[in-house]
Amino acid sequence: MSDTIEDFKYVELNYRIVDVKTGDILRAVEYPLGYVHGANDVLSEKVQTQLKGKKAGDTIDIPIDVDQLYGPRDETQVFTDHIDNVPEEYREVGMTITAENEKGEKKSFIVTRVDEKTVTVDGNNPLCGREVKFTIEVLAVRDATDAEIDCGGAVGADPDINEILQ
């Protein structure tokens, strides 16, 4: 039995998204992510390729092409309005406001600035315009059970790796 990541091994890992210029951790999991290597596409092929052959305790850094994921930063998605036009519950940096256009399409905006007169919201993904990397720490590697292989991860789990890049 090998403790090296290869197809049909159950892998637990932690990950974080780090701003390359500042070293700030922009996002991180609060619990280990478990998946069966090669049995699903919860992680991109690029990430799985770089994980192959790694063992518990190994850490890898993978650059993220934010422009490829979300497109380049678009300053037309940044709006500033008079504070009186914004409901009080949205006058806090970090709040998410969901707007709907006349076609019923929804768009999320994050409050990025509040002062005594204005509120600024940004419809860009918070990672846009940054140089970031995905840092992954392998916590455990073991043979997957048949049930884990069938569902691609821990039985009864429903991992959502996509939320980290939204």
N, C-alpha and C. Protein backbone atom coordinates (compact mmCIF):
# COMPACT_ATOMS: atom_id res chain seq x y z
N MET A 1 0.84 -1.18 0.00
CA MET A 1 0.00 0.00 0.00
C MET A 1 0.89 1.24 0.00
N SER A 2 0.70 2.10 -0.98
CA SER A 2 1.51 3.30 -1.12
C SER A 2 0.78 4.51 -0.55
N ASP A 3 1.55 5.41 0.05
CA ASP A 3 0.95 6.65 0.55
C ASP A 3 1.23 7.81 -0.40
N THR A 4 1.45 7.47 -1.66
CA THR A 4 1.72 8.45 -2.71
C THR A 4 0.44 8.69 -3.52
N ILE A 5 0.18 9.95 -3.86
CA ILE A 5 -1.03 10.26 -4.62
C ILE A 5 -0.93 9.67 -6.01
N GLU A 6 -1.93 8.87 -6.33
CA GLU A 6 -2.09 8.29 -7.67
C GLU A 6 -3.58 8.02 -7.83
N ASP A 7 -3.99 7.58 -9.00
CA ASP A 7 -5.41 7.34 -9.25
C ASP A 7 -5.99 6.39 -8.22
N PHE A 8 -7.20 6.73 -7.79
CA PHE A 8 -8.01 5.94 -6.85
C PHE A 8 -7.45 5.92 -5.43
N LYS A 9 -6.67 6.94 -5.10
CA LYS A 9 -6.25 7.16 -3.72
C LYS A 9 -7.17 8.23 -3.14
N TYR A 10 -7.55 8.04 -1.87
CA TYR A 10 -8.32 9.05 -1.17
C TYR A 10 -7.32 10.06 -0.61
N VAL A 11 -7.53 11.33 -0.90
CA VAL A 11 -6.59 12.39 -0.52
C VAL A 11 -7.34 13.44 0.30
N GLU A 12 -6.74 13.87 1.39
CA GLU A 12 -7.26 15.00 2.14
C GLU A 12 -6.23 16.11 2.05
N LEU A 13 -6.72 17.33 1.81
CA LEU A 13 -5.81 18.46 1.68
C LEU A 13 -6.45 19.73 2.21
N ASN A 14 -5.61 20.68 2.51
CA ASN A 14 -6.02 22.05 2.80
C ASN A 14 -5.51 22.91 1.67
N TYR A 15 -6.18 24.00 1.42
CA TYR A 15 -5.70 24.90 0.39
C TYR A 15 -5.96 26.33 0.80
N ARG A 16 -5.24 27.21 0.18
CA ARG A 16 -5.45 28.64 0.37
C ARG A 16 -5.08 29.35 -0.90
N ILE A 17 -5.66 30.51 -1.09
CA ILE A 17 -5.31 31.36 -2.22
C ILE A 17 -4.53 32.53 -1.65
N VAL A 18 -3.34 32.74 -2.19
CA VAL A 18 -2.41 33.71 -1.65
C VAL A 18 -2.10 34.78 -2.70
N ASP A 19 -2.13 36.05 -2.28
CA ASP A 19 -1.71 37.15 -3.14
C ASP A 19 -0.19 37.09 -3.24
N VAL A 20 0.33 36.90 -4.44
CA VAL A 20 1.77 36.72 -4.64
C VAL A 20 2.55 37.95 -4.21
N LYS A 21 2.04 39.15 -4.49
CA LYS A 21 2.78 40.38 -4.18
C LYS A 21 2.84 40.67 -2.69
N THR A 22 1.73 40.46 -1.97
CA THR A 22 1.69 40.83 -0.56
C THR A 22 1.89 39.66 0.39
N GLY A 23 1.64 38.43 -0.10
CA GLY A 23 1.69 37.26 0.76
C GLY A 23 0.42 37.08 1.58
N ASP A 24 -0.55 37.98 1.41
CA ASP A 24 -1.81 37.87 2.14
C ASP A 24 -2.58 36.63 1.71
N ILE A 25 -3.19 35.96 2.67
CA ILE A 25 -4.07 34.84 2.37
C ILE A 25 -5.45 35.42 2.07
N LEU A 26 -5.91 35.23 0.83
CA LEU A 26 -7.17 35.80 0.40
C LEU A 26 -8.35 34.88 0.72
N ARG A 27 -8.14 33.61 0.62
CA ARG A 27 -9.17 32.61 0.92
C ARG A 27 -8.46 31.37 1.44
N ALA A 28 -9.13 30.64 2.32
CA ALA A 28 -8.57 29.39 2.83
C ALA A 28 -9.71 28.48 3.26
N VAL A 29 -9.51 27.18 3.16
CA VAL A 29 -10.54 26.26 3.65
C VAL A 29 -10.47 26.24 5.17
N GLU A 30 -11.60 25.99 5.77
CA GLU A 30 -11.65 25.90 7.21
C GLU A 30 -11.69 24.45 7.67
N TYR A 31 -11.73 23.54 6.72
CA TYR A 31 -11.78 22.11 7.02
C TYR A 31 -11.10 21.39 5.87
N PRO A 32 -10.57 20.20 6.09
CA PRO A 32 -9.89 19.48 5.01
C PRO A 32 -10.86 19.09 3.90
N LEU A 33 -10.38 19.16 2.67
CA LEU A 33 -11.13 18.70 1.51
C LEU A 33 -10.68 17.29 1.20
N GLY A 34 -11.63 16.36 1.09
CA GLY A 34 -11.29 14.99 0.74
C GLY A 34 -11.84 14.65 -0.63
N TYR A 35 -11.05 13.99 -1.44
CA TYR A 35 -11.49 13.58 -2.78
C TYR A 35 -10.74 12.32 -3.18
N VAL A 36 -11.23 11.65 -4.21
CA VAL A 36 -10.55 10.48 -4.75
C VAL A 36 -9.83 10.91 -6.02
N HIS A 37 -8.52 10.81 -5.99
CA HIS A 37 -7.70 11.25 -7.12
C HIS A 37 -8.02 10.44 -8.37
N GLY A 38 -8.32 11.13 -9.47
CA GLY A 38 -8.59 10.47 -10.74
C GLY A 38 -10.00 9.95 -10.89
N ALA A 39 -10.84 10.12 -9.85
CA ALA A 39 -12.21 9.58 -9.91
C ALA A 39 -13.26 10.66 -10.15
N ASN A 40 -12.85 11.92 -10.13
CA ASN A 40 -13.79 13.01 -10.39
C ASN A 40 -13.01 14.23 -10.85
N ASP A 41 -13.73 15.30 -11.13
CA ASP A 41 -13.06 16.51 -11.59
C ASP A 41 -13.24 17.68 -10.62
N VAL A 42 -13.30 17.36 -9.31
CA VAL A 42 -13.44 18.40 -8.31
C VAL A 42 -12.23 19.35 -8.36
N LEU A 43 -11.08 18.85 -8.73
CA LEU A 43 -9.89 19.67 -8.94
C LEU A 43 -9.56 19.64 -10.43
N SER A 44 -9.02 20.73 -10.91
CA SER A 44 -8.69 20.79 -12.35
C SER A 44 -7.62 19.76 -12.69
N GLU A 45 -7.54 19.44 -13.97
CA GLU A 45 -6.53 18.49 -14.44
C GLU A 45 -5.13 18.98 -14.11
N LYS A 46 -4.92 20.30 -14.24
CA LYS A 46 -3.60 20.88 -13.93
C LYS A 46 -3.23 20.64 -12.47
N VAL A 47 -4.18 20.83 -11.56
CA VAL A 47 -3.92 20.63 -10.14
C VAL A 47 -3.68 19.15 -9.87
N GLN A 48 -4.52 18.28 -10.44
CA GLN A 48 -4.34 16.84 -10.21
C GLN A 48 -2.99 16.37 -10.73
N THR A 49 -2.56 16.88 -11.86
CA THR A 49 -1.26 16.50 -12.42
C THR A 49 -0.14 16.88 -11.46
N GLN A 50 -0.23 18.06 -10.88
CA GLN A 50 0.83 18.50 -9.96
C GLN A 50 0.78 17.77 -8.63
N LEU A 51 -0.40 17.28 -8.24
CA LEU A 51 -0.51 16.53 -6.99
C LEU A 51 -0.01 15.09 -7.12
N LYS A 52 -0.09 14.54 -8.33
CA LYS A 52 0.31 13.15 -8.53
C LYS A 52 1.75 12.94 -8.07
N GLY A 53 1.94 11.90 -7.27
CA GLY A 53 3.27 11.58 -6.76
C GLY A 53 3.61 12.24 -5.43
N LYS A 54 2.75 13.15 -4.96
CA LYS A 54 3.00 13.82 -3.68
C LYS A 54 2.54 12.92 -2.53
N LYS A 55 3.02 13.25 -1.33
CA LYS A 55 2.70 12.47 -0.12
C LYS A 55 2.19 13.41 0.96
N ALA A 56 1.63 12.83 2.01
CA ALA A 56 1.20 13.62 3.16
C ALA A 56 2.37 14.46 3.66
N GLY A 57 2.08 15.73 3.92
CA GLY A 57 3.12 16.65 4.38
C GLY A 57 3.68 17.51 3.26
N ASP A 58 3.50 17.10 2.00
CA ASP A 58 3.98 17.90 0.87
C ASP A 58 3.09 19.12 0.65
N THR A 59 3.68 20.20 0.20
CA THR A 59 2.97 21.43 -0.15
C THR A 59 3.37 21.83 -1.56
N ILE A 60 2.38 22.25 -2.35
CA ILE A 60 2.68 22.73 -3.70
C ILE A 60 2.03 24.09 -3.91
N ASP A 61 2.63 24.90 -4.75
CA ASP A 61 2.10 26.20 -5.15
C ASP A 61 1.80 26.14 -6.64
N ILE A 62 0.59 26.57 -7.00
CA ILE A 62 0.17 26.58 -8.40
C ILE A 62 -0.34 27.98 -8.74
N PRO A 63 0.29 28.65 -9.72
CA PRO A 63 -0.21 29.96 -10.11
C PRO A 63 -1.63 29.84 -10.68
N ILE A 64 -2.46 30.83 -10.38
CA ILE A 64 -3.82 30.87 -10.91
C ILE A 64 -3.90 32.00 -11.93
N ASP A 65 -4.35 31.68 -13.14
CA ASP A 65 -4.56 32.70 -14.16
C ASP A 65 -5.96 33.28 -13.97
N VAL A 66 -6.04 34.33 -13.15
CA VAL A 66 -7.32 34.93 -12.80
C VAL A 66 -8.02 35.47 -14.05
N ASP A 67 -7.27 36.03 -14.98
CA ASP A 67 -7.89 36.54 -16.22
C ASP A 67 -8.58 35.43 -16.99
N GLN A 68 -7.99 34.24 -17.00
CA GLN A 68 -8.61 33.11 -17.70
C GLN A 68 -9.90 32.69 -17.00
N LEU A 69 -9.90 32.70 -15.68
CA LEU A 69 -11.09 32.28 -14.93
C LEU A 69 -12.23 33.30 -15.01
N TYR A 70 -11.92 34.58 -14.81
CA TYR A 70 -12.96 35.60 -14.66
C TYR A 70 -12.90 36.71 -15.69
N GLY A 71 -11.88 36.72 -16.53
CA GLY A 71 -11.69 37.83 -17.44
C GLY A 71 -10.92 38.93 -16.73
N PRO A 72 -10.44 39.90 -17.51
CA PRO A 72 -9.67 40.98 -16.89
C PRO A 72 -10.58 41.87 -16.03
N ARG A 73 -9.98 42.57 -15.11
CA ARG A 73 -10.73 43.50 -14.27
C ARG A 73 -11.43 44.53 -15.15
N ASP A 74 -12.69 44.80 -14.84
CA ASP A 74 -13.52 45.71 -15.64
C ASP A 74 -13.99 46.85 -14.74
N GLU A 75 -13.39 48.02 -14.91
CA GLU A 75 -13.71 49.17 -14.06
C GLU A 75 -15.15 49.67 -14.27
N THR A 76 -15.80 49.25 -15.38
CA THR A 76 -17.20 49.65 -15.57
C THR A 76 -18.12 48.89 -14.62
N GLN A 77 -17.58 47.91 -13.89
CA GLN A 77 -18.36 47.16 -12.90
C GLN A 77 -18.22 47.74 -11.49
N VAL A 78 -17.59 48.91 -11.38
CA VAL A 78 -17.41 49.59 -10.10
C VAL A 78 -18.30 50.83 -10.10
N PHE A 79 -19.14 50.94 -9.06
CA PHE A 79 -20.10 52.05 -8.98
C PHE A 79 -20.02 52.71 -7.61
N THR A 80 -20.13 54.02 -7.61
CA THR A 80 -20.21 54.79 -6.37
C THR A 80 -21.53 55.54 -6.39
N ASP A 81 -22.24 55.47 -5.26
CA ASP A 81 -23.54 56.13 -5.16
C ASP A 81 -23.60 56.87 -3.83
N HIS A 82 -24.51 57.84 -3.77
CA HIS A 82 -24.70 58.59 -2.53
C HIS A 82 -25.21 57.63 -1.46
N ILE A 83 -24.71 57.77 -0.27
CA ILE A 83 -25.03 56.83 0.81
C ILE A 83 -26.53 56.76 1.08
N ASP A 84 -27.26 57.85 0.87
CA ASP A 84 -28.70 57.85 1.12
C ASP A 84 -29.47 56.96 0.15
N ASN A 85 -28.87 56.61 -0.98
CA ASN A 85 -29.51 55.73 -1.96
C ASN A 85 -29.28 54.25 -1.66
N VAL A 86 -28.49 53.96 -0.65
CA VAL A 86 -28.13 52.58 -0.32
C VAL A 86 -28.77 52.22 1.02
N PRO A 87 -29.54 51.12 1.06
CA PRO A 87 -30.13 50.70 2.34
C PRO A 87 -29.06 50.54 3.42
N GLU A 88 -29.43 50.89 4.64
CA GLU A 88 -28.47 50.89 5.74
C GLU A 88 -27.75 49.56 5.93
N GLU A 89 -28.46 48.44 5.71
CA GLU A 89 -27.84 47.12 5.93
C GLU A 89 -26.72 46.81 4.94
N TYR A 90 -26.60 47.61 3.86
CA TYR A 90 -25.54 47.39 2.87
C TYR A 90 -24.42 48.42 2.97
N ARG A 91 -24.40 49.17 4.02
CA ARG A 91 -23.38 50.21 4.18
C ARG A 91 -22.19 49.71 4.99
N GLU A 92 -21.73 48.52 4.68
CA GLU A 92 -20.59 47.94 5.39
C GLU A 92 -19.67 47.25 4.39
N VAL A 93 -18.38 47.55 4.46
CA VAL A 93 -17.40 46.94 3.55
C VAL A 93 -17.47 45.42 3.71
N GLY A 94 -17.52 44.73 2.56
CA GLY A 94 -17.57 43.28 2.54
C GLY A 94 -18.97 42.71 2.31
N MET A 95 -19.98 43.53 2.48
CA MET A 95 -21.36 43.08 2.25
C MET A 95 -21.55 42.77 0.76
N THR A 96 -22.39 41.79 0.46
CA THR A 96 -22.71 41.46 -0.92
C THR A 96 -24.11 41.95 -1.23
N ILE A 97 -24.23 42.63 -2.36
CA ILE A 97 -25.52 43.12 -2.84
C ILE A 97 -25.80 42.40 -4.15
N THR A 98 -26.96 41.76 -4.24
CA THR A 98 -27.34 41.10 -5.48
C THR A 98 -28.35 41.98 -6.20
N ALA A 99 -28.02 42.35 -7.42
CA ALA A 99 -28.90 43.18 -8.24
C ALA A 99 -29.45 42.35 -9.39
N GLU A 100 -30.61 42.74 -9.88
CA GLU A 100 -31.24 42.04 -10.99
C GLU A 100 -31.58 43.06 -12.07
N ASN A 101 -31.21 42.72 -13.33
CA ASN A 101 -31.52 43.64 -14.43
C ASN A 101 -32.92 43.37 -14.97
N GLU A 102 -33.30 44.12 -15.99
CA GLU A 102 -34.65 43.99 -16.56
C GLU A 102 -34.90 42.63 -17.20
N LYS A 103 -33.84 41.89 -17.52
CA LYS A 103 -33.99 40.54 -18.09
C LYS A 103 -34.07 39.47 -17.01
N GLY A 104 -33.98 39.86 -15.76
CA GLY A 104 -34.03 38.90 -14.66
C GLY A 104 -32.68 38.28 -14.34
N GLU A 105 -31.62 38.76 -14.98
CA GLU A 105 -30.27 38.24 -14.72
C GLU A 105 -29.73 38.86 -13.43
N LYS A 106 -29.15 38.02 -12.59
CA LYS A 106 -28.63 38.49 -11.31
C LYS A 106 -27.13 38.70 -11.37
N LYS A 107 -26.67 39.69 -10.63
CA LYS A 107 -25.25 40.02 -10.57
C LYS A 107 -24.94 40.42 -9.13
N SER A 108 -23.84 39.90 -8.60
CA SER A 108 -23.44 40.24 -7.24
C SER A 108 -22.39 41.33 -7.25
N PHE A 109 -22.51 42.23 -6.31
CA PHE A 109 -21.56 43.32 -6.11
C PHE A 109 -21.13 43.29 -4.65
N ILE A 110 -19.86 43.59 -4.43
CA ILE A 110 -19.32 43.62 -3.06
C ILE A 110 -19.06 45.07 -2.69
N VAL A 111 -19.50 45.45 -1.50
CA VAL A 111 -19.24 46.80 -1.00
C VAL A 111 -17.75 46.89 -0.67
N THR A 112 -17.05 47.81 -1.35
CA THR A 112 -15.60 47.91 -1.16
C THR A 112 -15.18 49.17 -0.42
N ARG A 113 -16.09 50.16 -0.34
CA ARG A 113 -15.73 51.40 0.35
C ARG A 113 -17.00 52.08 0.84
N VAL A 114 -16.92 52.61 2.05
CA VAL A 114 -18.02 53.40 2.61
C VAL A 114 -17.40 54.59 3.30
N ASP A 115 -17.91 55.78 3.00
CA ASP A 115 -17.50 56.95 3.77
C ASP A 115 -18.77 57.70 4.18
N GLU A 116 -18.64 58.89 4.71
CA GLU A 116 -19.81 59.60 5.22
C GLU A 116 -20.80 60.03 4.13
N LYS A 117 -20.35 60.03 2.86
CA LYS A 117 -21.23 60.50 1.78
C LYS A 117 -21.53 59.44 0.71
N THR A 118 -20.65 58.44 0.55
CA THR A 118 -20.81 57.52 -0.57
C THR A 118 -20.59 56.06 -0.18
N VAL A 119 -21.10 55.18 -1.06
CA VAL A 119 -20.86 53.74 -0.96
C VAL A 119 -20.37 53.30 -2.33
N THR A 120 -19.26 52.54 -2.36
CA THR A 120 -18.73 52.01 -3.61
C THR A 120 -18.90 50.50 -3.62
N VAL A 121 -19.42 49.98 -4.74
CA VAL A 121 -19.58 48.54 -4.91
C VAL A 121 -18.80 48.11 -6.14
N ASP A 122 -18.37 46.84 -6.15
CA ASP A 122 -17.55 46.30 -7.23
C ASP A 122 -18.14 44.97 -7.68
N GLY A 123 -18.45 44.87 -8.98
CA GLY A 123 -19.01 43.65 -9.55
C GLY A 123 -17.96 42.68 -10.06
N ASN A 124 -16.69 43.05 -9.98
CA ASN A 124 -15.62 42.14 -10.38
C ASN A 124 -15.43 41.07 -9.31
N ASN A 125 -14.95 39.91 -9.70
CA ASN A 125 -14.57 38.91 -8.73
C ASN A 125 -13.45 39.51 -7.88
N PRO A 126 -13.46 39.28 -6.56
CA PRO A 126 -12.43 39.88 -5.70
C PRO A 126 -11.00 39.50 -6.08
N LEU A 127 -10.81 38.43 -6.85
CA LEU A 127 -9.46 38.04 -7.26
C LEU A 127 -8.99 38.77 -8.52
N CYS A 128 -9.90 39.41 -9.25
CA CYS A 128 -9.53 40.09 -10.49
C CYS A 128 -8.47 41.16 -10.22
N GLY A 129 -7.51 41.22 -11.14
CA GLY A 129 -6.47 42.22 -11.04
C GLY A 129 -5.33 41.86 -10.09
N ARG A 130 -5.37 40.68 -9.55
CA ARG A 130 -4.32 40.24 -8.62
C ARG A 130 -3.51 39.11 -9.24
N GLU A 131 -2.28 38.98 -8.77
CA GLU A 131 -1.47 37.81 -9.11
C GLU A 131 -1.57 36.88 -7.90
N VAL A 132 -2.19 35.72 -8.12
CA VAL A 132 -2.43 34.82 -6.99
C VAL A 132 -1.91 33.42 -7.27
N LYS A 133 -1.75 32.67 -6.18
CA LYS A 133 -1.36 31.27 -6.30
C LYS A 133 -2.24 30.44 -5.38
N PHE A 134 -2.40 29.20 -5.76
CA PHE A 134 -3.16 28.21 -5.03
C PHE A 134 -2.12 27.39 -4.27
N THR A 135 -2.10 27.46 -2.94
CA THR A 135 -1.15 26.69 -2.13
C THR A 135 -1.92 25.52 -1.53
N ILE A 136 -1.46 24.32 -1.82
CA ILE A 136 -2.13 23.10 -1.38
C ILE A 136 -1.20 22.31 -0.48
N GLU A 137 -1.71 21.92 0.69
CA GLU A 137 -0.96 21.08 1.62
C GLU A 137 -1.66 19.73 1.68
N VAL A 138 -0.92 18.68 1.37
CA VAL A 138 -1.46 17.32 1.42
C VAL A 138 -1.44 16.87 2.88
N LEU A 139 -2.61 16.49 3.39
CA LEU A 139 -2.72 16.06 4.79
C LEU A 139 -2.65 14.55 4.95
N ALA A 140 -3.31 13.83 4.03
CA ALA A 140 -3.36 12.36 4.15
C ALA A 140 -3.58 11.75 2.78
N VAL A 141 -3.03 10.55 2.60
CA VAL A 141 -3.21 9.77 1.37
C VAL A 141 -3.40 8.32 1.79
N ARG A 142 -4.46 7.69 1.28
CA ARG A 142 -4.69 6.27 1.58
C ARG A 142 -5.48 5.66 0.43
N ASP A 143 -5.58 4.33 0.44
CA ASP A 143 -6.40 3.66 -0.55
C ASP A 143 -7.85 4.07 -0.35
N ALA A 144 -8.54 4.38 -1.44
CA ALA A 144 -9.96 4.72 -1.37
C ALA A 144 -10.79 3.44 -1.30
N THR A 145 -11.91 3.52 -0.61
CA THR A 145 -12.84 2.39 -0.59
C THR A 145 -13.62 2.39 -1.90
N ASP A 146 -14.27 1.30 -2.21
CA ASP A 146 -15.10 1.23 -3.42
C ASP A 146 -16.19 2.29 -3.39
N ALA A 147 -16.80 2.50 -2.22
CA ALA A 147 -17.87 3.51 -2.10
C ALA A 147 -17.31 4.91 -2.36
N GLU A 148 -16.11 5.21 -1.86
CA GLU A 148 -15.49 6.51 -2.10
C GLU A 148 -15.16 6.70 -3.57
N ILE A 149 -14.68 5.66 -4.22
CA ILE A 149 -14.39 5.73 -5.66
C ILE A 149 -15.66 6.01 -6.44
N ASP A 150 -16.76 5.34 -6.06
CA ASP A 150 -18.03 5.53 -6.75
C ASP A 150 -18.54 6.96 -6.65
N CYS A 151 -18.36 7.60 -5.48
CA CYS A 151 -18.89 8.96 -5.35
C CYS A 151 -17.80 10.03 -5.52
N GLY A 152 -16.55 9.64 -5.67
CA GLY A 152 -15.47 10.59 -5.95
C GLY A 152 -14.89 11.26 -4.72
N GLY A 153 -15.33 10.86 -3.55
CA GLY A 153 -14.83 11.47 -2.32
C GLY A 153 -15.38 10.76 -1.12
N ALA A 154 -15.37 11.46 0.00
CA ALA A 154 -15.89 10.87 1.23
C ALA A 154 -17.37 10.56 1.05
N VAL A 155 -17.79 9.42 1.48
CA VAL A 155 -19.19 9.01 1.34
C VAL A 155 -20.06 9.97 2.14
N GLY A 156 -21.07 10.54 1.46
CA GLY A 156 -21.97 11.49 2.09
C GLY A 156 -21.50 12.92 2.01
N ALA A 157 -20.30 13.19 1.53
CA ALA A 157 -19.79 14.55 1.41
C ALA A 157 -20.19 15.13 0.07
N ASP A 158 -20.23 16.44 0.01
CA ASP A 158 -20.55 17.14 -1.24
C ASP A 158 -19.64 18.34 -1.37
N PRO A 159 -18.35 18.12 -1.65
CA PRO A 159 -17.40 19.23 -1.69
C PRO A 159 -17.72 20.20 -2.81
N ASP A 160 -17.48 21.49 -2.55
CA ASP A 160 -17.69 22.52 -3.56
C ASP A 160 -16.43 23.36 -3.67
N ILE A 161 -15.45 22.85 -4.39
CA ILE A 161 -14.18 23.54 -4.56
C ILE A 161 -14.35 24.84 -5.33
N ASN A 162 -15.42 24.94 -6.13
CA ASN A 162 -15.61 26.14 -6.95
C ASN A 162 -15.86 27.38 -6.12
N GLU A 163 -16.41 27.24 -4.90
CA GLU A 163 -16.71 28.40 -4.10
C GLU A 163 -15.46 29.22 -3.79
N ILE A 164 -14.27 28.65 -3.74
CA ILE A 164 -13.08 29.38 -3.40
C ILE A 164 -12.66 30.35 -4.48
N LEU A 165 -13.12 30.11 -5.70
CA LEU A 165 -12.70 30.98 -6.79
C LEU A 165 -13.80 31.90 -7.27
N GLN A 166 -14.85 32.00 -6.49
CA GLN A 166 -15.93 32.90 -6.88
C GLN A 166 -15.74 34.26 -6.28
